[in-house]
PDB file of N, CA and C in Angstrom:
ATOM      1  N   MET A   1     110.728 100.474 104.557  1.00  0.00           N
ATOM      2  CA  MET A   1     109.583 101.212 104.143  1.00  0.00           C
ATOM      3  C   MET A   1     108.370 100.339 104.399  1.00  0.00           C
ATOM      4  N   VAL A   2     107.319 101.026 105.004  1.00  0.00           N
ATOM      5  CA  VAL A   2     105.990 100.343 105.321  1.00  0.00           C
ATOM      6  C   VAL A   2     105.028 100.737 104.320  1.00  0.00           C
ATOM      7  N   ARG A   3     104.398  99.807 103.844  1.00  0.00           N
ATOM      8  CA  ARG A   3     103.239 100.041 102.829  1.00  0.00           C
ATOM      9  C   ARG A   3     101.948 100.048 103.624  1.00  0.00           C
ATOM     10  N   ILE A   4     101.138 101.117 103.394  1.00  0.00           N
ATOM     11  CA  ILE A   4      99.861 101.275 104.047  1.00  0.00           C
ATOM     12  C   ILE A   4      98.818 101.667 103.008  1.00  0.00           C
ATOM     13  N   PHE A   5      97.920 100.863 102.783  1.00  0.00           N
ATOM     14  CA  PHE A   5      96.706 101.242 101.861  1.00  0.00           C
ATOM     15  C   PHE A   5      97.205 101.781 100.526  1.00  0.00           C
ATOM     16  N   GLY A   6      98.110 101.098  99.946  1.00  0.00           N
ATOM     17  CA  GLY A   6      98.521 101.591  98.560  1.00  0.00           C
ATOM     18  C   GLY A   6      99.606 102.652  98.608  1.00  0.00           C
ATOM     19  N   GLY A   7      99.849 103.151  99.791  1.00  0.00           N
ATOM     20  CA  GLY A   7     100.921 104.201  99.804  1.00  0.00           C
ATOM     21  C   GLY A   7     102.102 103.703 100.643  1.00  0.00           C
ATOM     22  N   TYR A   8     103.092 104.548 100.719  1.00  0.00           N
ATOM     23  CA  TYR A   8     104.211 104.182 101.587  1.00  0.00           C
ATOM     24  C   TYR A   8     104.440 105.266 102.686  1.00  0.00           C
ATOM     25  N   VAL A   9     104.859 104.778 103.840  1.00  0.00           N
ATOM     26  CA  VAL A   9     105.220 105.781 104.913  1.00  0.00           C
ATOM     27  C   VAL A   9     106.602 105.426 105.321  1.00  0.00           C
ATOM     28  N   GLY A  10     107.429 106.449 105.530  1.00  0.00           N
ATOM     29  CA  GLY A  10     108.687 106.213 105.968  1.00  0.00           C
ATOM     30  C   GLY A  10     109.796 106.928 105.079  1.00  0.00           C
ATOM     31  N   LYS A  11     110.904 106.348 105.264  1.00  0.00           N
ATOM     32  CA  LYS A  11     112.052 106.924 104.535  1.00  0.00           C
ATOM     33  C   LYS A  11     111.958 106.700 103.005  1.00  0.00           C
ATOM     34  N   TYR A  12     112.354 107.643 102.233  1.00  0.00           N
ATOM     35  CA  TYR A  12     112.357 107.542 100.819  1.00  0.00           C
ATOM     36  C   TYR A  12     113.848 107.623 100.269  1.00  0.00           C
ATOM     37  N   VAL A  13     114.009 107.013  99.246  1.00  0.00           N
ATOM     38  CA  VAL A  13     115.345 107.128  98.538  1.00  0.00           C
ATOM     39  C   VAL A  13     115.136 107.652  97.065  1.00  0.00           C
ATOM     40  N   THR A  14     116.189 108.132  96.488  1.00  0.00           N
ATOM     41  CA  THR A  14     116.134 108.571  95.133  1.00  0.00           C
ATOM     42  C   THR A  14     116.724 107.505  94.256  1.00  0.00           C
ATOM     43  N   VAL A  15     115.998 107.173  93.234  1.00  0.00           N
ATOM     44  CA  VAL A  15     116.418 106.258  92.181  1.00  0.00           C
ATOM     45  C   VAL A  15     116.464 107.063  90.843  1.00  0.00           C
ATOM     46  N   SER A  16     117.601 107.051  90.216  1.00  0.00           N
ATOM     47  CA  SER A  16     117.694 107.720  89.003  1.00  0.00           C
ATOM     48  C   SER A  16     117.824 106.792  87.773  1.00  0.00           C
ATOM     49  N   VAL A  17     117.264 107.107  86.676  1.00  0.00           N
ATOM     50  CA  VAL A  17     117.256 106.310  85.457  1.00  0.00           C
ATOM     51  C   VAL A  17     117.647 107.191  84.271  1.00  0.00           C
ATOM     52  N   LYS A  18     118.573 106.671  83.582  1.00  0.00           N
ATOM     53  CA  LYS A  18     118.965 107.382  82.279  1.00  0.00           C
ATOM     54  C   LYS A  18     118.168 106.854  81.100  1.00  0.00           C
ATOM     55  N   ILE A  19     117.581 107.771  80.410  1.00  0.00           N
ATOM     56  CA  ILE A  19     116.831 107.334  79.171  1.00  0.00           C
ATOM     57  C   ILE A  19     117.230 108.257  78.007  1.00  0.00           C
ATOM     58  N   PRO A  20     116.978 107.716  76.858  1.00  0.00           N
ATOM     59  CA  PRO A  20     117.411 108.550  75.638  1.00  0.00           C
ATOM     60  C   PRO A  20     116.601 109.870  75.658  1.00  0.00           C
ATOM     61  N   ALA A  21     117.272 110.920  75.173  1.00  0.00           N
ATOM     62  CA  ALA A  21     116.701 112.288  75.091  1.00  0.00           C
ATOM     63  C   ALA A  21     115.333 112.188  74.360  1.00  0.00           C
ATOM     64  N   LYS A  22     115.302 111.459  73.351  1.00  0.00           N
ATOM     65  CA  LYS A  22     114.007 111.317  72.452  1.00  0.00           C
ATOM     66  C   LYS A  22     112.880 110.869  73.266  1.00  0.00           C
ATOM     67  N   LEU A  23     113.184 109.824  74.124  1.00  0.00           N
ATOM     68  CA  LEU A  23     112.199 109.355  75.028  1.00  0.00           C
ATOM     69  C   LEU A  23     111.647 110.326  76.034  1.00  0.00           C
ATOM     70  N   LYS A  24     112.551 111.095  76.508  1.00  0.00           N
ATOM     71  CA  LYS A  24     112.248 112.138  77.494  1.00  0.00           C
ATOM     72  C   LYS A  24     111.311 113.251  76.750  1.00  0.00           C
ATOM     73  N   GLU A  25     111.675 113.541  75.461  1.00  0.00           N
ATOM     74  CA  GLU A  25     110.901 114.495  74.752  1.00  0.00           C
ATOM     75  C   GLU A  25     109.445 113.959  74.594  1.00  0.00           C
ATOM     76  N   GLU A  26     109.337 112.737  74.290  1.00  0.00           N
ATOM     77  CA  GLU A  26     108.010 112.067  74.077  1.00  0.00           C
ATOM     78  C   GLU A  26     107.239 112.118  75.360  1.00  0.00           C
ATOM     79  N   LEU A  27     107.981 111.824  76.564  1.00  0.00           N
ATOM     80  CA  LEU A  27     107.240 111.999  77.840  1.00  0.00           C
ATOM     81  C   LEU A  27     106.583 113.449  78.068  1.00  0.00           C
ATOM     82  N   GLU A  28     107.477 114.409  77.782  1.00  0.00           N
ATOM     83  CA  GLU A  28     107.073 115.828  77.863  1.00  0.00           C
ATOM     84  C   GLU A  28     105.924 116.163  76.951  1.00  0.00           C
ATOM     85  N   LYS A  29     106.068 115.614  75.733  1.00  0.00           N
ATOM     86  CA  LYS A  29     105.006 115.927  74.716  1.00  0.00           C
ATOM     87  C   LYS A  29     103.638 115.482  75.165  1.00  0.00           C
ATOM     88  N   TYR A  30     103.542 114.288  75.916  1.00  0.00           N
ATOM     89  CA  TYR A  30     102.287 113.882  76.396  1.00  0.00           C
ATOM     90  C   TYR A  30     102.026 114.217  77.720  1.00  0.00           C
ATOM     91  N   GLY A  31     102.832 114.986  78.399  1.00  0.00           N
ATOM     92  CA  GLY A  31     102.647 115.455  79.784  1.00  0.00           C
ATOM     93  C   GLY A  31     102.726 114.363  80.726  1.00  0.00           C
ATOM     94  N   ILE A  32     103.545 113.314  80.520  1.00  0.00           N
ATOM     95  CA  ILE A  32     103.777 112.236  81.392  1.00  0.00           C
ATOM     96  C   ILE A  32     104.841 112.581  82.351  1.00  0.00           C
ATOM     97  N   LYS A  33     104.636 112.337  83.648  1.00  0.00           N
ATOM     98  CA  LYS A  33     105.639 112.527  84.644  1.00  0.00           C
ATOM     99  C   LYS A  33     106.416 111.244  84.921  1.00  0.00           C
ATOM    100  N   PRO A  34     107.634 111.191  84.579  1.00  0.00           N
ATOM    101  CA  PRO A  34     108.466 110.028  84.701  1.00  0.00           C
ATOM    102  C   PRO A  34     108.347 109.388  86.153  1.00  0.00           C
ATOM    103  N   SER A  35     108.432 110.249  87.089  1.00  0.00           N
ATOM    104  CA  SER A  35     108.462 109.705  88.505  1.00  0.00           C
ATOM    105  C   SER A  35     107.179 108.954  88.780  1.00  0.00           C
ATOM    106  N   ILE A  36     106.066 109.460  88.464  1.00  0.00           N
ATOM    107  CA  ILE A  36     104.835 108.817  88.680  1.00  0.00           C
ATOM    108  C   ILE A  36     104.691 107.457  87.975  1.00  0.00           C
ATOM    109  N   LEU A  37     105.084 107.583  86.671  1.00  0.00           N
ATOM    110  CA  LEU A  37     105.064 106.374  85.758  1.00  0.00           C
ATOM    111  C   LEU A  37     106.015 105.195  86.339  1.00  0.00           C
ATOM    112  N   LEU A  38     107.225 105.772  86.708  1.00  0.00           N
ATOM    113  CA  LEU A  38     108.103 104.700  87.303  1.00  0.00           C
ATOM    114  C   LEU A  38     107.710 104.029  88.573  1.00  0.00           C
ATOM    115  N   LYS A  39     107.111 104.869  89.510  1.00  0.00           N
ATOM    116  CA  LYS A  39     106.522 104.397  90.765  1.00  0.00           C
ATOM    117  C   LYS A  39     105.533 103.318  90.506  1.00  0.00           C
ATOM    118  N   LYS A  40     104.585 103.621  89.632  1.00  0.00           N
ATOM    119  CA  LYS A  40     103.493 102.707  89.198  1.00  0.00           C
ATOM    120  C   LYS A  40     104.111 101.436  88.637  1.00  0.00           C
ATOM    121  N   ALA A  41     105.107 101.539  87.728  1.00  0.00           N
ATOM    122  CA  ALA A  41     105.707 100.325  87.138  1.00  0.00           C
ATOM    123  C   ALA A  41     106.382  99.506  88.151  1.00  0.00           C
ATOM    124  N   ILE A  42     107.083 100.134  89.060  1.00  0.00           N
ATOM    125  CA  ILE A  42     107.744  99.413  90.152  1.00  0.00           C
ATOM    126  C   ILE A  42     106.754  98.717  91.052  1.00  0.00           C
ATOM    127  N   GLU A  43     105.743  99.393  91.500  1.00  0.00           N
ATOM    128  CA  GLU A  43     104.746  98.847  92.327  1.00  0.00           C
ATOM    129  C   GLU A  43     104.016  97.655  91.552  1.00  0.00           C
ATOM    130  N   GLU A  44     103.648  97.789  90.346  1.00  0.00           N
ATOM    131  CA  GLU A  44     103.088  96.679  89.558  1.00  0.00           C
ATOM    132  C   GLU A  44     104.007  95.465  89.501  1.00  0.00           C
ATOM    133  N   GLU A  45     105.284  95.629  89.272  1.00  0.00           N
ATOM    134  CA  GLU A  45     106.302  94.562  89.128  1.00  0.00           C
ATOM    135  C   GLU A  45     106.275  93.881  90.497  1.00  0.00           C
ATOM    136  N   LEU A  46     106.418  94.589  91.511  1.00  0.00           N
ATOM    137  CA  LEU A  46     106.555  94.005  92.891  1.00  0.00           C
ATOM    138  C   LEU A  46     105.183  93.197  93.195  1.00  0.00           C
ATOM    139  N   ARG A  47     104.073  93.682  92.860  1.00  0.00           N
ATOM    140  CA  ARG A  47     102.822  93.015  92.984  1.00  0.00           C
ATOM    141  C   ARG A  47     102.824  91.678  92.194  1.00  0.00           C
ATOM    142  N   ASN A  48     103.296  91.715  91.013  1.00  0.00           N
ATOM    143  CA  ASN A  48     103.399  90.548  90.218  1.00  0.00           C
ATOM    144  C   ASN A  48     104.253  89.481  90.743  1.00  0.00           C
ATOM    145  N   ARG A  49     105.436  89.871  91.235  1.00  0.00           N
ATOM    146  CA  ARG A  49     106.472  89.102  91.841  1.00  0.00           C
ATOM    147  C   ARG A  49     105.772  88.444  93.123  1.00  0.00           C
ATOM    148  N   GLU A  50     105.132  89.187  93.874  1.00  0.00           N
ATOM    149  CA  GLU A  50     104.585  88.587  95.077  1.00  0.00           C
ATOM    150  C   GLU A  50     103.441  87.645  94.834  1.00  0.00           C
ATOM    151  N   ILE A  51     102.627  87.861  93.811  1.00  0.00           N
ATOM    152  CA  ILE A  51     101.640  86.918  93.362  1.00  0.00           C
ATOM    153  C   ILE A  51     102.253  85.591  92.858  1.00  0.00           C
ATOM    154  N   LYS A  52     103.421  85.784  92.061  1.00  0.00           N
ATOM    155  CA  LYS A  52     104.113  84.628  91.532  1.00  0.00           C
ATOM    156  C   LYS A  52     104.651  83.744  92.778  1.00  0.00           C
ATOM    157  N   ARG A  53     105.124  84.512  93.773  1.00  0.00           N
ATOM    158  CA  ARG A  53     105.719  83.784  94.947  1.00  0.00           C
ATOM    159  C   ARG A  53     104.646  82.984  95.686  1.00  0.00           C
ATOM    160  N   ILE A  54     103.479  83.703  95.875  1.00  0.00           N
ATOM    161  CA  ILE A  54     102.404  83.084  96.555  1.00  0.00           C
ATOM    162  C   ILE A  54     101.873  81.782  95.751  1.00  0.00           C
ATOM    163  N   LYS A  55     101.690  81.953  94.436  1.00  0.00           N
ATOM    164  CA  LYS A  55     101.241  80.776  93.642  1.00  0.00           C
ATOM    165  C   LYS A  55     102.235  79.606  93.824  1.00  0.00           C
ATOM    166  N   GLU A  56     103.595  79.922  93.798  1.00  0.00           N
ATOM    167  CA  GLU A  56     104.567  78.870  93.953  1.00  0.00           C
ATOM    168  C   GLU A  56     104.467  78.198  95.264  1.00  0.00           C
ATOM    169  N   GLU A  57     104.218  79.017  96.273  1.00  0.00           N
ATOM    170  CA  GLU A  57     104.073  78.454  97.674  1.00  0.00           C
ATOM    171  C   GLU A  57     102.838  77.514  97.752  1.00  0.00           C
ATOM    172  N   ILE A  58     101.760  77.970  97.056  1.00  0.00           N
ATOM    173  CA  ILE A  58     100.455  77.135  96.956  1.00  0.00           C
ATOM    174  C   ILE A  58     100.810  75.828  96.357  1.00  0.00           C
ATOM    175  N   GLU A  59     101.444  75.948  95.264  1.00  0.00           N
ATOM    176  CA  GLU A  59     101.798  74.674  94.567  1.00  0.00           C
ATOM    177  C   GLU A  59     102.664  73.767  95.361  1.00  0.00           C
ATOM    178  N   ARG A  60     103.501  74.315  96.079  1.00  0.00           N
ATOM    179  CA  ARG A  60     104.449  73.505  97.057  1.00  0.00           C
ATOM    180  C   ARG A  60     103.663  72.864  98.140  1.00  0.00           C
ATOM    181  N   ILE A  61     102.644  73.491  98.651  1.00  0.00           N
ATOM    182  CA  ILE A  61     101.843  72.760  99.830  1.00  0.00           C
ATOM    183  C   ILE A  61     100.590  72.077  99.321  1.00  0.00           C
ATOM    184  N   LYS A  62     100.323  72.166  98.082  1.00  0.00           N
ATOM    185  CA  LYS A  62      99.124  71.347  97.579  1.00  0.00           C
ATOM    186  C   LYS A  62      99.038  69.983  97.898  1.00  0.00           C
ATOM    187  N   PRO A  63     100.174  69.174  97.827  1.00  0.00           N
ATOM    188  CA  PRO A  63     100.033  67.780  98.248  1.00  0.00           C
ATOM    189  C   PRO A  63      99.609  67.637  99.673  1.00  0.00           C
ATOM    190  N   THR A  64     100.044  68.445 100.569  1.00  0.00           N
ATOM    191  CA  THR A  64      99.637  68.439 101.942  1.00  0.00           C
ATOM    192  C   THR A  64      98.213  68.779 102.075  1.00  0.00           C
ATOM    193  N   LEU A  65      97.749  69.808 101.473  1.00  0.00           N
ATOM    194  CA  LEU A  65      96.444  70.285 101.504  1.00  0.00           C
ATOM    195  C   LEU A  65      95.443  69.199 100.920  1.00  0.00           C
ATOM    196  N   ALA A  66      95.866  68.444 100.004  1.00  0.00           N
ATOM    197  CA  ALA A  66      94.994  67.454  99.267  1.00  0.00           C
ATOM    198  C   ALA A  66      94.733  66.340 100.250  1.00  0.00           C
ATOM    199  N   LYS A  67      95.582  66.122 101.217  1.00  0.00           N
ATOM    200  CA  LYS A  67      95.394  64.939 102.255  1.00  0.00           C
ATOM    201  C   LYS A  67      94.308  65.409 103.281  1.00  0.00           C
ATOM    202  N   LEU A  68      93.984  66.671 103.410  1.00  0.00           N
ATOM    203  CA  LEU A  68      93.072  67.019 104.479  1.00  0.00           C
ATOM    204  C   LEU A  68      91.622  66.790 103.999  1.00  0.00           C
ATOM    205  N   GLN A  69      90.860  66.285 104.943  1.00  0.00           N
ATOM    206  CA  GLN A  69      89.512  65.994 104.708  1.00  0.00           C
ATOM    207  C   GLN A  69      88.626  67.229 105.046  1.00  0.00           C
ATOM    208  N   ILE A  70      87.597  67.467 104.195  1.00  0.00           N
ATOM    209  CA  ILE A  70      86.792  68.624 104.443  1.00  0.00           C
ATOM    210  C   ILE A  70      86.126  68.553 105.832  1.00  0.00           C
ATOM    211  N   GLU A  71      85.627  67.377 106.150  1.00  0.00           N
ATOM    212  CA  GLU A  71      85.031  67.194 107.478  1.00  0.00           C
ATOM    213  C   GLU A  71      85.913  67.596 108.567  1.00  0.00           C
ATOM    214  N   GLU A  72      87.136  67.192 108.395  1.00  0.00           N
ATOM    215  CA  GLU A  72      88.147  67.561 109.524  1.00  0.00           C
ATOM    216  C   GLU A  72      88.386  69.069 109.517  1.00  0.00           C
ATOM    217  N   ILE A  73      88.437  69.722 108.414  1.00  0.00           N
ATOM    218  CA  ILE A  73      88.608  71.205 108.412  1.00  0.00           C
ATOM    219  C   ILE A  73      87.392  71.806 109.137  1.00  0.00           C
ATOM    220  N   VAL A  74      86.198  71.431 108.780  1.00  0.00           N
ATOM    221  CA  VAL A  74      85.039  71.991 109.316  1.00  0.00           C
ATOM    222  C   VAL A  74      85.012  71.841 110.851  1.00  0.00           C
ATOM    223  N   ARG A  75      85.384  70.553 111.286  1.00  0.00           N
ATOM    224  CA  ARG A  75      85.405  70.292 112.738  1.00  0.00           C
ATOM    225  C   ARG A  75      86.366  71.201 113.396  1.00  0.00           C
ATOM    226  N   LEU A  76      87.533  71.406 112.850  1.00  0.00           N
ATOM    227  CA  LEU A  76      88.566  72.279 113.492  1.00  0.00           C
ATOM    228  C   LEU A  76      88.066  73.729 113.533  1.00  0.00           C
ATOM    229  N   ILE A  77      87.375  74.179 112.450  1.00  0.00           N
ATOM    230  CA  ILE A  77      86.882  75.538 112.482  1.00  0.00           C
ATOM    231  C   ILE A  77      85.791  75.684 113.570  1.00  0.00           C
ATOM    232  N   ARG A  78      84.976  74.707 113.667  1.00  0.00           N
ATOM    233  CA  ARG A  78      83.901  74.836 114.737  1.00  0.00           C
ATOM    234  C   ARG A  78      84.474  74.845 116.054  1.00  0.00           C
ATOM    235  N   GLU A  79      85.534  74.002 116.347  1.00  0.00           N
ATOM    236  CA  GLU A  79      86.171  73.908 117.725  1.00  0.00           C
ATOM    237  C   GLU A  79      86.790  75.281 117.911  1.00  0.00           C
ATOM    238  N   ASP A  80      87.329  75.881 116.932  1.00  0.00           N
ATOM    239  CA  ASP A  80      88.063  77.115 117.164  1.00  0.00           C
ATOM    240  C   ASP A  80      87.013  78.239 117.528  1.00  0.00           C
ATOM    241  N   ARG A  81      85.910  78.290 116.849  1.00  0.00           N
ATOM    242  CA  ARG A  81      84.847  79.193 117.056  1.00  0.00           C
ATOM    243  C   ARG A  81      84.200  79.051 118.379  1.00  0.00           C
ATOM    244  N   GLU A  82      84.046  77.794 118.715  1.00  0.00           N
ATOM    245  CA  GLU A  82      83.458  77.521 120.127  1.00  0.00           C
ATOM    246  C   GLU A  82      84.335  77.890 121.223  1.00  0.00           C
ATOM    247  N   GLY A  83      85.673  77.891 120.941  1.00  0.00           N
ATOM    248  CA  GLY A  83      86.676  78.142 121.967  1.00  0.00           C
ATOM    249  C   GLY A  83      86.847  79.647 122.207  1.00  0.00           C
ATOM    250  N   ARG A  84      86.214  80.475 121.391  1.00  0.00           N
ATOM    251  CA  ARG A  84      86.389  81.975 121.583  1.00  0.00           C
ATOM    252  C   ARG A  84      85.501  82.481 122.639  1.00  0.00           C
TER     253      ARG A  84
END
């Protein structure tokens, strides 16, 4: 599945969830569509997991980044820009 601008394009699959009848009644009472609610919850969880993974990766490479000098980074950026 390919994610494009907050939506998905491509093949879809069905995921079913069993919930207590009382819970289903409450959803209906408030006009909540379970499919929309579940899609949002799944997307939010995936977003949170991706953020966590990125933060862990940043922590892993922090020691390497700390060794870089700002002047060196600026020089490399300038060289790259001039090379275009």
